[in-house]
N, C-alpha and C. Protein backbone atom coordinates (compact mmCIF):
# COMPACT_ATOMS: atom_id res chain seq x y z
N MET A 1 -12.04 2.74 -20.65
CA MET A 1 -10.56 3.58 -20.82
C MET A 1 -10.09 4.07 -20.40
N THR A 2 -10.28 5.26 -19.86
CA THR A 2 -9.84 5.69 -18.55
C THR A 2 -9.58 4.53 -17.02
N LYS A 3 -9.83 3.91 -16.94
CA LYS A 3 -10.02 3.57 -15.71
C LYS A 3 -8.95 1.81 -15.66
N LYS A 4 -8.87 1.87 -17.24
CA LYS A 4 -7.18 0.80 -17.58
C LYS A 4 -6.21 1.76 -17.68
N LEU A 5 -5.85 2.85 -18.10
CA LEU A 5 -4.92 3.79 -17.57
C LEU A 5 -4.67 4.28 -16.78
N ASN A 6 -6.10 4.41 -15.76
CA ASN A 6 -5.17 4.54 -14.26
C ASN A 6 -4.84 3.47 -13.59
N MET A 7 -5.14 2.34 -13.68
CA MET A 7 -4.75 0.79 -13.55
C MET A 7 -3.13 0.96 -14.00
N LYS A 8 -3.05 1.32 -14.91
CA LYS A 8 -1.72 1.31 -15.70
C LYS A 8 -0.80 1.52 -15.16
N LEU A 9 -0.74 3.12 -14.61
CA LEU A 9 -0.30 3.79 -14.49
C LEU A 9 -0.16 3.29 -12.32
N LEU A 10 -1.10 2.97 -12.32
CA LEU A 10 -1.29 2.88 -10.72
C LEU A 10 0.13 1.52 -10.68
N THR A 11 -0.29 0.71 -11.27
CA THR A 11 0.44 -0.31 -11.57
C THR A 11 2.32 -0.25 -12.11
N VAL A 12 2.25 0.94 -12.23
CA VAL A 12 4.33 1.60 -12.60
C VAL A 12 4.35 2.05 -12.18
N MET A 13 3.35 2.77 -11.17
CA MET A 13 3.37 3.70 -9.64
C MET A 13 4.26 2.81 -8.46
N ARG A 14 3.53 1.58 -8.80
CA ARG A 14 3.88 0.38 -6.76
C ARG A 14 5.02 0.38 -7.96
N ASP A 15 5.07 -0.78 -8.72
CA ASP A 15 6.30 -1.08 -9.62
C ASP A 15 7.51 -0.37 -9.60
N GLU A 16 7.81 0.54 -9.68
CA GLU A 16 8.75 1.58 -9.28
C GLU A 16 8.62 2.18 -7.83
N ALA A 17 8.33 2.45 -6.56
CA ALA A 17 7.93 1.74 -5.14
C ALA A 17 9.14 1.04 -4.63
N LEU A 18 8.26 -0.19 -5.16
CA LEU A 18 9.40 -1.99 -5.16
C LEU A 18 10.45 -1.57 -5.49
N LEU A 19 10.50 -1.12 -6.69
CA LEU A 19 12.27 -0.74 -6.80
C LEU A 19 12.84 0.27 -6.20
N CYS A 20 12.30 1.00 -6.05
CA CYS A 20 13.01 2.52 -4.79
C CYS A 20 13.35 1.23 -3.49
N GLU A 21 12.54 0.64 -3.16
CA GLU A 21 12.59 0.03 -1.38
C GLU A 21 13.59 -1.33 -2.52
N ILE A 22 13.93 -2.05 -2.80
CA ILE A 22 15.18 -2.59 -3.46
C ILE A 22 16.56 -2.29 -3.77
N ARG A 23 16.66 -0.55 -3.92
CA ARG A 23 17.51 0.21 -4.07
C ARG A 23 17.87 0.81 -2.71
N GLY A 24 16.88 0.19 -1.51
CA GLY A 24 17.14 1.20 -0.24
C GLY A 24 16.95 2.59 0.01
N ASP A 25 16.08 3.29 -1.08
CA ASP A 25 15.32 4.58 -0.97
C ASP A 25 13.74 4.73 -0.72
N LYS A 26 14.01 4.41 0.47
CA LYS A 26 12.97 4.25 1.75
C LYS A 26 11.76 5.60 1.58
N GLU A 27 12.03 6.17 1.33
CA GLU A 27 11.65 7.71 1.28
C GLU A 27 10.94 7.41 0.48
N ASP A 28 11.60 7.91 -0.80
CA ASP A 28 10.86 7.35 -2.17
C ASP A 28 9.66 6.84 -2.40
N ALA A 29 10.07 4.74 -1.77
CA ALA A 29 9.36 4.36 -2.04
C ALA A 29 7.78 4.33 -1.39
N ALA A 30 8.11 4.89 0.10
CA ALA A 30 6.73 5.09 0.73
C ALA A 30 6.11 6.59 0.40
N LYS A 31 7.11 6.93 -0.15
CA LYS A 31 6.00 8.58 -0.84
C LYS A 31 5.41 7.93 -2.62
N LEU A 32 5.98 7.28 -3.32
CA LEU A 32 4.88 6.56 -4.34
C LEU A 32 3.68 5.13 -3.76
N MET A 33 3.92 5.02 -2.64
CA MET A 33 3.40 3.78 -2.36
C MET A 33 2.17 4.90 -1.84
N GLU A 34 2.45 5.83 -0.94
CA GLU A 34 0.80 6.59 -0.50
C GLU A 34 0.37 7.51 -1.42
N GLN A 35 0.91 7.95 -2.94
CA GLN A 35 0.06 8.16 -3.70
C GLN A 35 -0.92 7.35 -4.50
N VAL A 36 -0.20 5.57 -4.63
CA VAL A 36 -1.35 4.90 -5.26
C VAL A 36 -1.98 4.76 -4.18
N LEU A 37 -1.52 4.77 -2.73
CA LEU A 37 -2.44 4.14 -1.94
C LEU A 37 -3.38 5.57 -2.03
N ASP A 38 -3.74 6.80 -2.03
CA ASP A 38 -4.28 7.79 -2.24
C ASP A 38 -5.67 7.78 -3.16
N HIS A 39 -4.83 7.10 -4.78
CA HIS A 39 -5.93 6.08 -5.15
C HIS A 39 -6.76 5.55 -5.02
N ILE A 40 -6.31 4.38 -4.44
CA ILE A 40 -7.41 3.66 -4.48
C ILE A 40 -7.65 3.38 -2.69
N MET A 41 -7.31 4.74 -2.24
CA MET A 41 -8.20 5.13 -0.55
C MET A 41 -10.06 4.42 -0.89
N ASN A 42 -10.44 4.96 -1.37
CA ASN A 42 -12.40 4.41 -1.42
C ASN A 42 -12.47 2.60 -1.08
N ASP A 43 -11.36 2.06 -1.75
CA ASP A 43 -11.89 0.48 -1.79
C ASP A 43 -10.90 0.34 -1.10
N LEU A 44 -9.82 0.91 -0.66
CA LEU A 44 -9.17 0.66 0.74
C LEU A 44 -9.91 0.69 1.89
N VAL A 45 -10.87 1.78 2.09
CA VAL A 45 -11.76 2.89 3.72
C VAL A 45 -12.18 1.75 3.21
N THR A 46 -13.70 1.22 2.60
CA THR A 46 -14.64 0.10 1.89
C THR A 46 -14.07 -1.25 3.34
N GLU A 47 -12.84 -1.72 2.28
CA GLU A 47 -12.61 -2.87 2.28
C GLU A 47 -12.32 -3.02 4.10
N THR A 48 -11.49 -2.40 4.61
CA THR A 48 -11.18 -1.78 5.92
C THR A 48 -12.04 -2.22 7.47
N LYS A 49 -13.34 -1.07 6.48
CA LYS A 49 -14.76 -1.10 6.96
C LYS A 49 -15.67 -2.16 7.22
N THR A 50 -15.72 -3.10 5.64
CA THR A 50 -16.39 -3.91 6.09
C THR A 50 -15.87 -5.07 5.76
N ASN A 51 -14.58 -5.80 6.53
CA ASN A 51 -13.57 -6.46 6.50
C ASN A 51 -12.94 -6.58 7.98
N PRO A 52 -12.91 -6.49 8.76
CA PRO A 52 -12.33 -6.71 9.43
C PRO A 52 -11.02 -7.44 9.25
N LYS A 53 -10.97 -8.50 8.70
CA LYS A 53 -9.71 -9.68 8.76
C LYS A 53 -8.69 -8.70 7.71
N ALA A 54 -9.41 -7.76 6.82
CA ALA A 54 -8.72 -7.43 6.42
C ALA A 54 -7.12 -6.70 7.21
N ILE A 55 -7.15 -6.02 7.99
CA ILE A 55 -5.81 -5.77 9.16
C ILE A 55 -5.03 -6.53 9.05
N ASP A 56 -6.08 -7.84 10.04
CA ASP A 56 -5.29 -9.19 10.30
C ASP A 56 -4.46 -9.55 8.73
N VAL A 57 -4.90 -9.71 7.69
CA VAL A 57 -4.10 -9.55 7.00
C VAL A 57 -3.15 -8.97 6.83
N LEU A 58 -2.74 -7.31 6.80
CA LEU A 58 -1.87 -6.97 6.37
C LEU A 58 -0.64 -6.79 7.89
N ILE A 59 -1.52 -7.25 8.88
CA ILE A 59 -0.38 -7.53 9.88
C ILE A 59 0.55 -8.57 9.76
N SER A 60 -0.39 -9.85 9.25
CA SER A 60 0.31 -11.18 8.79
C SER A 60 1.33 -10.77 7.93
N ALA A 61 1.01 -10.03 6.63
CA ALA A 61 1.78 -10.26 5.40
C ALA A 61 3.37 -8.57 6.21
N SER A 62 2.67 -8.10 7.43
CA SER A 62 3.77 -7.14 7.64
C SER A 62 4.81 -8.20 8.44
N ASN A 63 4.51 -9.33 9.02
CA ASN A 63 5.52 -10.03 9.40
C ASN A 63 6.24 -11.54 8.60
N SER A 64 6.34 -10.98 7.22
CA SER A 64 6.53 -12.07 6.49
C SER A 64 7.95 -11.69 6.56
N ASP A 65 8.61 -12.75 5.79
CA ASP A 65 10.02 -12.91 6.01
C ASP A 65 10.61 -12.41 4.14
N ASP A 66 9.48 -12.27 3.24
CA ASP A 66 9.51 -12.11 1.99
C ASP A 66 10.03 -10.17 2.39
N GLU A 67 10.63 -9.30 1.99
CA GLU A 67 11.03 -7.70 2.55
C GLU A 67 10.58 -6.97 2.05
N ILE A 68 10.10 -7.43 0.75
CA ILE A 68 9.18 -7.07 -0.47
C ILE A 68 7.26 -7.10 0.56
N LYS A 69 7.53 -8.24 0.50
CA LYS A 69 5.65 -8.08 1.12
C LYS A 69 5.35 -7.40 2.26
N SER A 70 6.48 -7.30 3.43
CA SER A 70 6.66 -7.43 4.70
C SER A 70 6.63 -5.54 4.43
N THR A 71 7.47 -5.00 3.58
CA THR A 71 7.82 -3.52 3.23
C THR A 71 6.32 -3.03 3.31
N ASN A 72 5.40 -3.10 1.67
CA ASN A 72 4.48 -2.55 1.46
C ASN A 72 3.28 -3.00 1.95
N ALA A 73 3.04 -3.75 3.19
CA ALA A 73 2.09 -4.29 4.30
C ALA A 73 2.20 -3.05 5.19
N LEU A 74 3.58 -2.60 5.41
CA LEU A 74 3.66 -1.94 6.50
C LEU A 74 3.55 -0.67 6.10
N LEU A 75 3.67 -0.13 5.03
CA LEU A 75 3.26 1.26 4.19
C LEU A 75 2.23 1.51 4.55
N ILE A 76 1.54 0.25 4.24
CA ILE A 76 -0.43 1.23 4.21
C ILE A 76 -0.93 0.56 5.29
N LEU A 77 -0.50 -0.04 6.59
CA LEU A 77 -1.13 -0.41 7.39
C LEU A 77 -0.38 1.18 8.28
N GLN A 78 0.29 1.74 7.91
CA GLN A 78 0.97 3.20 7.95
C GLN A 78 0.08 4.53 7.08
N TYR A 79 0.45 4.19 6.14
CA TYR A 79 -1.15 4.74 5.56
C TYR A 79 -2.68 4.96 6.41
N LEU A 80 -2.96 3.69 6.29
CA LEU A 80 -4.23 3.79 7.10
C LEU A 80 -4.34 4.53 8.77
N LYS A 81 -3.20 4.32 9.18
CA LYS A 81 -2.96 4.84 11.06
C LYS A 81 -2.67 6.60 10.17
N ARG A 82 -2.20 6.68 9.95
CA ARG A 82 -1.84 8.12 9.54
C ARG A 82 -3.39 9.26 8.90
N LYS A 83 -4.24 8.01 8.40
CA LYS A 83 -5.51 9.02 7.95
C LYS A 83 -6.34 8.57 9.30
N GLY A 84 -5.88 8.45 10.51
CA GLY A 84 -7.01 7.70 11.16
C GLY A 84 -8.27 6.40 11.26
N LEU A 85 -7.30 5.56 9.99
CA LEU A 85 -8.18 4.52 10.52
C LEU A 85 -8.61 3.25 11.05
N ILE A 86 -7.36 3.31 11.25
CA ILE A 86 -6.39 2.20 12.64
C ILE A 86 -5.64 2.87 13.62
N LYS A 87 -5.84 2.50 14.87
CA LYS A 87 -5.62 2.79 15.66
C LYS A 87 -3.59 2.68 15.98
């Protein structure tokens, strides 16, 4: 049950980050997404270490015409860079 509650929280935080992005509040969007990413960091680290194509997928998504998709991918890439997981 705790896992489901955490997933609900992460979903709400992600949705709010998307709404911030739509409103043009890029700073709050970035902060919210970073908090979401902090919660899932272990899975993210494992995925990027075991699946080299994961970074390629993020880079491709960051170039998407879908502004929300590209912004989210960029935020994840920036997060990984700040954490020293990518150069």
